[in-house]
Amino acid sequence: MALIAYSMDKQNWTATGKECSALHSQTFFTCTLSTKTDSIEIPVQVCTRVSQLKDLVSARLGYVDKTSFDFVVKAGCSFKKLQDCDQVGRRMTVTGVTSLSPSRHKYQHP
């Protein structure tokens, strides 16, 4: 199974100016991904991007295309589709797939 690469390198916390953009969070939390039928919990870092999580989910689903599903979060009174450059949230809904388990291969019968 594919894993998310965590950023655990040493950082300069007294940085100023352009060096500040290289700083990233060292905090972890549990991200809950859910569909209509099931849900999974994945430990992620606060600075994890949606594109990294899409790679992980596509590998878990049997290497499906990353563009075939999206992550949606509740933002106020509406829902927001997350872009690949956004950070992951604590609770996200996966749209475009019916289940988070690998699907069975369908063979064409003659």
N, C-alpha and C. Protein backbone atom coordinates (compact mmCIF):
# COMPACT_ATOMS: atom_id res chain seq x y z
N MET A 1 0.84 -1.18 0.00
CA MET A 1 0.00 0.00 0.00
C MET A 1 0.88 1.24 0.00
N ALA A 2 0.49 2.22 -0.75
CA ALA A 2 1.23 3.47 -0.84
C ALA A 2 1.07 4.27 0.46
N LEU A 3 2.09 5.01 0.81
CA LEU A 3 2.06 5.82 2.02
C LEU A 3 2.29 7.28 1.67
N ILE A 4 1.88 8.15 2.56
CA ILE A 4 2.11 9.58 2.40
C ILE A 4 3.47 9.90 3.00
N ALA A 5 4.30 10.62 2.27
CA ALA A 5 5.61 11.00 2.77
C ALA A 5 5.45 12.15 3.76
N TYR A 6 5.83 11.91 5.00
CA TYR A 6 5.72 12.95 6.03
C TYR A 6 6.94 13.86 5.98
N SER A 7 6.75 15.14 6.27
CA SER A 7 7.84 16.11 6.29
C SER A 7 8.33 16.25 7.73
N MET A 8 9.43 15.59 8.04
CA MET A 8 9.95 15.59 9.40
C MET A 8 11.37 16.13 9.47
N ASP A 9 11.83 16.85 8.47
CA ASP A 9 13.18 17.36 8.49
C ASP A 9 13.33 18.53 9.46
N LYS A 10 14.55 18.82 9.84
CA LYS A 10 14.83 19.89 10.80
C LYS A 10 14.50 21.24 10.17
N GLN A 11 13.89 22.12 10.97
CA GLN A 11 13.48 23.43 10.46
C GLN A 11 14.09 24.55 11.28
N ASN A 12 14.23 25.69 10.65
CA ASN A 12 14.74 26.89 11.31
C ASN A 12 13.54 27.74 11.74
N TRP A 13 13.15 27.63 13.01
CA TRP A 13 11.96 28.33 13.49
C TRP A 13 12.20 29.82 13.72
N THR A 14 13.43 30.29 13.60
CA THR A 14 13.71 31.72 13.74
C THR A 14 13.84 32.38 12.37
N ALA A 15 13.41 31.71 11.31
CA ALA A 15 13.53 32.22 9.95
C ALA A 15 12.62 33.43 9.75
N THR A 16 13.05 34.30 8.88
CA THR A 16 12.26 35.47 8.50
C THR A 16 12.29 35.61 6.99
N GLY A 17 11.37 36.37 6.44
CA GLY A 17 11.35 36.64 5.01
C GLY A 17 10.96 35.42 4.19
N LYS A 18 11.70 35.17 3.11
CA LYS A 18 11.39 34.06 2.20
C LYS A 18 11.60 32.70 2.85
N GLU A 19 12.46 32.62 3.85
CA GLU A 19 12.72 31.35 4.51
C GLU A 19 11.49 30.84 5.26
N CYS A 20 10.59 31.73 5.62
CA CYS A 20 9.37 31.33 6.35
C CYS A 20 8.46 30.45 5.50
N SER A 21 8.50 30.61 4.19
CA SER A 21 7.63 29.80 3.33
C SER A 21 8.04 28.34 3.30
N ALA A 22 9.27 28.03 3.70
CA ALA A 22 9.73 26.64 3.72
C ALA A 22 9.31 25.92 4.99
N LEU A 23 8.80 26.64 5.98
CA LEU A 23 8.38 26.00 7.23
C LEU A 23 7.07 25.26 7.03
N HIS A 24 6.91 24.13 7.69
CA HIS A 24 5.67 23.36 7.62
C HIS A 24 5.36 22.79 8.98
N SER A 25 4.13 22.41 9.15
CA SER A 25 3.66 21.94 10.45
C SER A 25 4.20 20.55 10.75
N GLN A 26 4.43 20.26 12.02
CA GLN A 26 4.87 18.95 12.47
C GLN A 26 3.75 18.23 13.20
N THR A 27 2.52 18.73 13.09
CA THR A 27 1.37 18.19 13.80
C THR A 27 0.65 17.16 12.94
N PHE A 28 0.18 16.08 13.59
CA PHE A 28 -0.57 15.03 12.91
C PHE A 28 -2.00 15.01 13.42
N PHE A 29 -2.93 14.53 12.58
CA PHE A 29 -4.31 14.31 13.00
C PHE A 29 -4.89 13.18 12.17
N THR A 30 -6.05 12.71 12.55
CA THR A 30 -6.71 11.61 11.84
C THR A 30 -7.74 12.18 10.88
N CYS A 31 -7.59 11.86 9.61
CA CYS A 31 -8.50 12.30 8.57
C CYS A 31 -9.50 11.18 8.30
N THR A 32 -10.79 11.50 8.35
CA THR A 32 -11.84 10.52 8.11
C THR A 32 -12.40 10.72 6.70
N LEU A 33 -12.25 9.70 5.87
CA LEU A 33 -12.80 9.72 4.51
C LEU A 33 -14.03 8.84 4.51
N SER A 34 -15.12 9.33 3.94
CA SER A 34 -16.34 8.55 3.96
C SER A 34 -17.04 8.61 2.60
N THR A 35 -17.75 7.52 2.29
CA THR A 35 -18.64 7.46 1.14
C THR A 35 -20.02 7.16 1.70
N LYS A 36 -20.97 6.82 0.83
CA LYS A 36 -22.31 6.50 1.32
C LYS A 36 -22.34 5.17 2.05
N THR A 37 -21.38 4.28 1.77
CA THR A 37 -21.43 2.94 2.36
C THR A 37 -20.40 2.69 3.45
N ASP A 38 -19.22 3.30 3.39
CA ASP A 38 -18.20 3.01 4.40
C ASP A 38 -17.29 4.22 4.61
N SER A 39 -16.39 4.08 5.59
CA SER A 39 -15.45 5.16 5.89
C SER A 39 -14.14 4.56 6.39
N ILE A 40 -13.06 5.31 6.23
CA ILE A 40 -11.75 4.91 6.74
C ILE A 40 -11.12 6.11 7.42
N GLU A 41 -10.19 5.83 8.33
CA GLU A 41 -9.44 6.88 9.01
C GLU A 41 -7.97 6.73 8.64
N ILE A 42 -7.36 7.84 8.23
CA ILE A 42 -5.96 7.84 7.80
C ILE A 42 -5.21 8.90 8.60
N PRO A 43 -4.08 8.53 9.23
CA PRO A 43 -3.29 9.56 9.91
C PRO A 43 -2.52 10.40 8.89
N VAL A 44 -2.70 11.71 8.97
CA VAL A 44 -2.03 12.63 8.04
C VAL A 44 -1.40 13.78 8.82
N GLN A 45 -0.53 14.49 8.14
CA GLN A 45 0.10 15.67 8.70
C GLN A 45 -0.72 16.88 8.29
N VAL A 46 -0.67 17.95 9.07
CA VAL A 46 -1.48 19.14 8.78
C VAL A 46 -1.14 19.71 7.41
N CYS A 47 0.10 19.64 6.98
CA CYS A 47 0.51 20.22 5.69
C CYS A 47 0.30 19.26 4.52
N THR A 48 -0.42 18.16 4.70
CA THR A 48 -0.68 17.20 3.62
C THR A 48 -1.64 17.81 2.61
N ARG A 49 -1.33 17.67 1.35
CA ARG A 49 -2.14 18.22 0.26
C ARG A 49 -3.12 17.16 -0.25
N VAL A 50 -4.18 17.61 -0.89
CA VAL A 50 -5.20 16.72 -1.43
C VAL A 50 -4.60 15.81 -2.50
N SER A 51 -3.65 16.30 -3.28
CA SER A 51 -3.04 15.48 -4.33
C SER A 51 -2.30 14.28 -3.73
N GLN A 52 -1.65 14.47 -2.57
CA GLN A 52 -0.96 13.36 -1.91
C GLN A 52 -1.96 12.32 -1.41
N LEU A 53 -3.09 12.79 -0.88
CA LEU A 53 -4.11 11.87 -0.39
C LEU A 53 -4.81 11.16 -1.55
N LYS A 54 -4.95 11.84 -2.69
CA LYS A 54 -5.54 11.19 -3.86
C LYS A 54 -4.65 10.05 -4.35
N ASP A 55 -3.33 10.22 -4.30
CA ASP A 55 -2.43 9.14 -4.68
C ASP A 55 -2.62 7.92 -3.78
N LEU A 56 -2.76 8.17 -2.49
CA LEU A 56 -2.95 7.08 -1.54
C LEU A 56 -4.28 6.37 -1.76
N VAL A 57 -5.34 7.11 -1.95
CA VAL A 57 -6.66 6.51 -2.14
C VAL A 57 -6.74 5.76 -3.47
N SER A 58 -6.14 6.30 -4.52
CA SER A 58 -6.17 5.61 -5.81
C SER A 58 -5.40 4.30 -5.75
N ALA A 59 -4.31 4.26 -4.99
CA ALA A 59 -3.57 3.01 -4.82
C ALA A 59 -4.38 2.01 -3.99
N ARG A 60 -5.09 2.50 -2.99
CA ARG A 60 -5.92 1.62 -2.16
C ARG A 60 -7.09 1.04 -2.95
N LEU A 61 -7.63 1.81 -3.88
CA LEU A 61 -8.77 1.36 -4.67
C LEU A 61 -8.36 0.50 -5.87
N GLY A 62 -7.10 0.21 -6.01
CA GLY A 62 -6.66 -0.62 -7.13
C GLY A 62 -6.16 0.21 -8.29
N TYR A 63 -5.51 1.32 -7.99
CA TYR A 63 -4.91 2.21 -8.99
C TYR A 63 -5.94 2.71 -10.00
N VAL A 64 -7.01 3.26 -9.48
CA VAL A 64 -7.99 3.93 -10.33
C VAL A 64 -7.45 5.31 -10.68
N ASP A 65 -8.03 5.93 -11.67
CA ASP A 65 -7.59 7.24 -12.11
C ASP A 65 -7.90 8.29 -11.03
N LYS A 66 -6.92 9.15 -10.74
CA LYS A 66 -7.09 10.16 -9.70
C LYS A 66 -8.14 11.21 -10.06
N THR A 67 -8.44 11.35 -11.34
CA THR A 67 -9.43 12.35 -11.74
C THR A 67 -10.85 11.81 -11.68
N SER A 68 -11.02 10.53 -11.34
CA SER A 68 -12.36 9.94 -11.32
C SER A 68 -13.09 10.15 -9.99
N PHE A 69 -12.41 10.69 -8.97
CA PHE A 69 -13.07 10.96 -7.70
C PHE A 69 -12.58 12.29 -7.14
N ASP A 70 -13.38 12.88 -6.25
CA ASP A 70 -13.08 14.17 -5.65
C ASP A 70 -13.34 14.12 -4.16
N PHE A 71 -12.76 15.07 -3.44
CA PHE A 71 -13.00 15.22 -2.01
C PHE A 71 -13.87 16.45 -1.79
N VAL A 72 -14.89 16.31 -0.95
CA VAL A 72 -15.82 17.39 -0.67
C VAL A 72 -15.87 17.60 0.84
N VAL A 73 -15.84 18.85 1.28
CA VAL A 73 -15.94 19.18 2.70
C VAL A 73 -17.12 20.12 2.91
N LYS A 74 -17.64 20.11 4.12
CA LYS A 74 -18.71 21.03 4.50
C LYS A 74 -18.05 22.35 4.89
N ALA A 75 -18.43 23.43 4.22
CA ALA A 75 -17.87 24.75 4.48
C ALA A 75 -19.03 25.71 4.77
N GLY A 76 -19.33 25.90 6.04
CA GLY A 76 -20.45 26.75 6.41
C GLY A 76 -21.76 26.06 6.10
N CYS A 77 -22.61 26.71 5.33
CA CYS A 77 -23.90 26.13 4.98
C CYS A 77 -23.88 25.43 3.64
N SER A 78 -22.71 25.34 2.99
CA SER A 78 -22.62 24.70 1.69
C SER A 78 -21.47 23.70 1.67
N PHE A 79 -21.24 23.08 0.53
CA PHE A 79 -20.16 22.11 0.36
C PHE A 79 -19.13 22.66 -0.60
N LYS A 80 -17.86 22.31 -0.37
CA LYS A 80 -16.77 22.80 -1.20
C LYS A 80 -15.99 21.62 -1.75
N LYS A 81 -15.79 21.61 -3.07
CA LYS A 81 -14.94 20.60 -3.71
C LYS A 81 -13.49 21.04 -3.56
N LEU A 82 -12.65 20.20 -2.97
CA LEU A 82 -11.26 20.56 -2.72
C LEU A 82 -10.42 20.40 -3.99
N GLN A 83 -9.55 21.36 -4.22
CA GLN A 83 -8.61 21.30 -5.34
C GLN A 83 -7.37 20.51 -4.90
N ASP A 84 -6.52 20.13 -5.85
CA ASP A 84 -5.33 19.34 -5.52
C ASP A 84 -4.33 20.10 -4.66
N CYS A 85 -4.34 21.42 -4.70
CA CYS A 85 -3.38 22.21 -3.93
C CYS A 85 -3.88 22.53 -2.52
N ASP A 86 -5.13 22.19 -2.19
CA ASP A 86 -5.69 22.47 -0.86
C ASP A 86 -5.15 21.49 0.18
N GLN A 87 -5.20 21.92 1.44
CA GLN A 87 -4.83 21.02 2.53
C GLN A 87 -6.03 20.14 2.88
N VAL A 88 -5.73 18.94 3.39
CA VAL A 88 -6.80 18.01 3.73
C VAL A 88 -7.52 18.48 4.99
N GLY A 89 -8.76 18.05 5.15
CA GLY A 89 -9.55 18.39 6.32
C GLY A 89 -9.71 17.18 7.22
N ARG A 90 -10.36 17.38 8.36
CA ARG A 90 -10.55 16.27 9.31
C ARG A 90 -11.63 15.30 8.84
N ARG A 91 -12.70 15.81 8.25
CA ARG A 91 -13.78 14.96 7.74
C ARG A 91 -14.05 15.35 6.29
N MET A 92 -13.87 14.38 5.40
CA MET A 92 -14.09 14.64 3.98
C MET A 92 -14.94 13.52 3.39
N THR A 93 -15.74 13.88 2.41
CA THR A 93 -16.56 12.91 1.69
C THR A 93 -15.93 12.68 0.33
N VAL A 94 -15.84 11.41 -0.07
CA VAL A 94 -15.27 11.05 -1.36
C VAL A 94 -16.42 10.87 -2.35
N THR A 95 -16.43 11.66 -3.40
CA THR A 95 -17.47 11.52 -4.43
C THR A 95 -16.84 10.90 -5.66
N GLY A 96 -17.62 10.12 -6.38
CA GLY A 96 -17.13 9.48 -7.60
C GLY A 96 -16.82 8.01 -7.43
N VAL A 97 -16.79 7.53 -6.20
CA VAL A 97 -16.60 6.10 -5.94
C VAL A 97 -17.72 5.63 -5.02
N THR A 98 -18.07 4.35 -5.13
CA THR A 98 -19.15 3.82 -4.30
C THR A 98 -18.64 3.21 -3.01
N SER A 99 -17.41 2.72 -3.01
CA SER A 99 -16.86 2.07 -1.83
C SER A 99 -15.36 2.36 -1.75
N LEU A 100 -14.80 2.34 -0.55
CA LEU A 100 -13.38 2.58 -0.37
C LEU A 100 -12.57 1.29 -0.33
N SER A 101 -13.19 0.18 -0.67
CA SER A 101 -12.46 -1.08 -0.78
C SER A 101 -12.21 -1.36 -2.26
N PRO A 102 -11.16 -2.13 -2.58
CA PRO A 102 -10.87 -2.41 -3.99
C PRO A 102 -12.03 -3.14 -4.66
N SER A 103 -12.37 -2.73 -5.86
CA SER A 103 -13.48 -3.36 -6.57
C SER A 103 -13.00 -4.62 -7.27
N ARG A 104 -13.92 -5.53 -7.50
CA ARG A 104 -13.60 -6.76 -8.21
C ARG A 104 -13.46 -6.46 -9.69
N HIS A 105 -12.55 -7.19 -10.32
CA HIS A 105 -12.33 -6.99 -11.75
C HIS A 105 -13.49 -7.62 -12.53
N LYS A 106 -13.99 -6.89 -13.51
CA LYS A 106 -15.08 -7.37 -14.34
C LYS A 106 -14.53 -7.82 -15.68
N TYR A 107 -14.71 -9.10 -15.98
CA TYR A 107 -14.24 -9.65 -17.26
C TYR A 107 -15.36 -9.60 -18.28
N GLN A 108 -14.98 -9.39 -19.53
CA GLN A 108 -15.96 -9.42 -20.60
C GLN A 108 -16.17 -10.87 -21.02
N HIS A 109 -17.40 -11.29 -21.08
CA HIS A 109 -17.71 -12.65 -21.49
C HIS A 109 -17.92 -12.68 -23.00
N PRO A 110 -17.49 -13.75 -23.64
CA PRO A 110 -17.66 -13.83 -25.09
C PRO A 110 -19.09 -14.01 -25.51
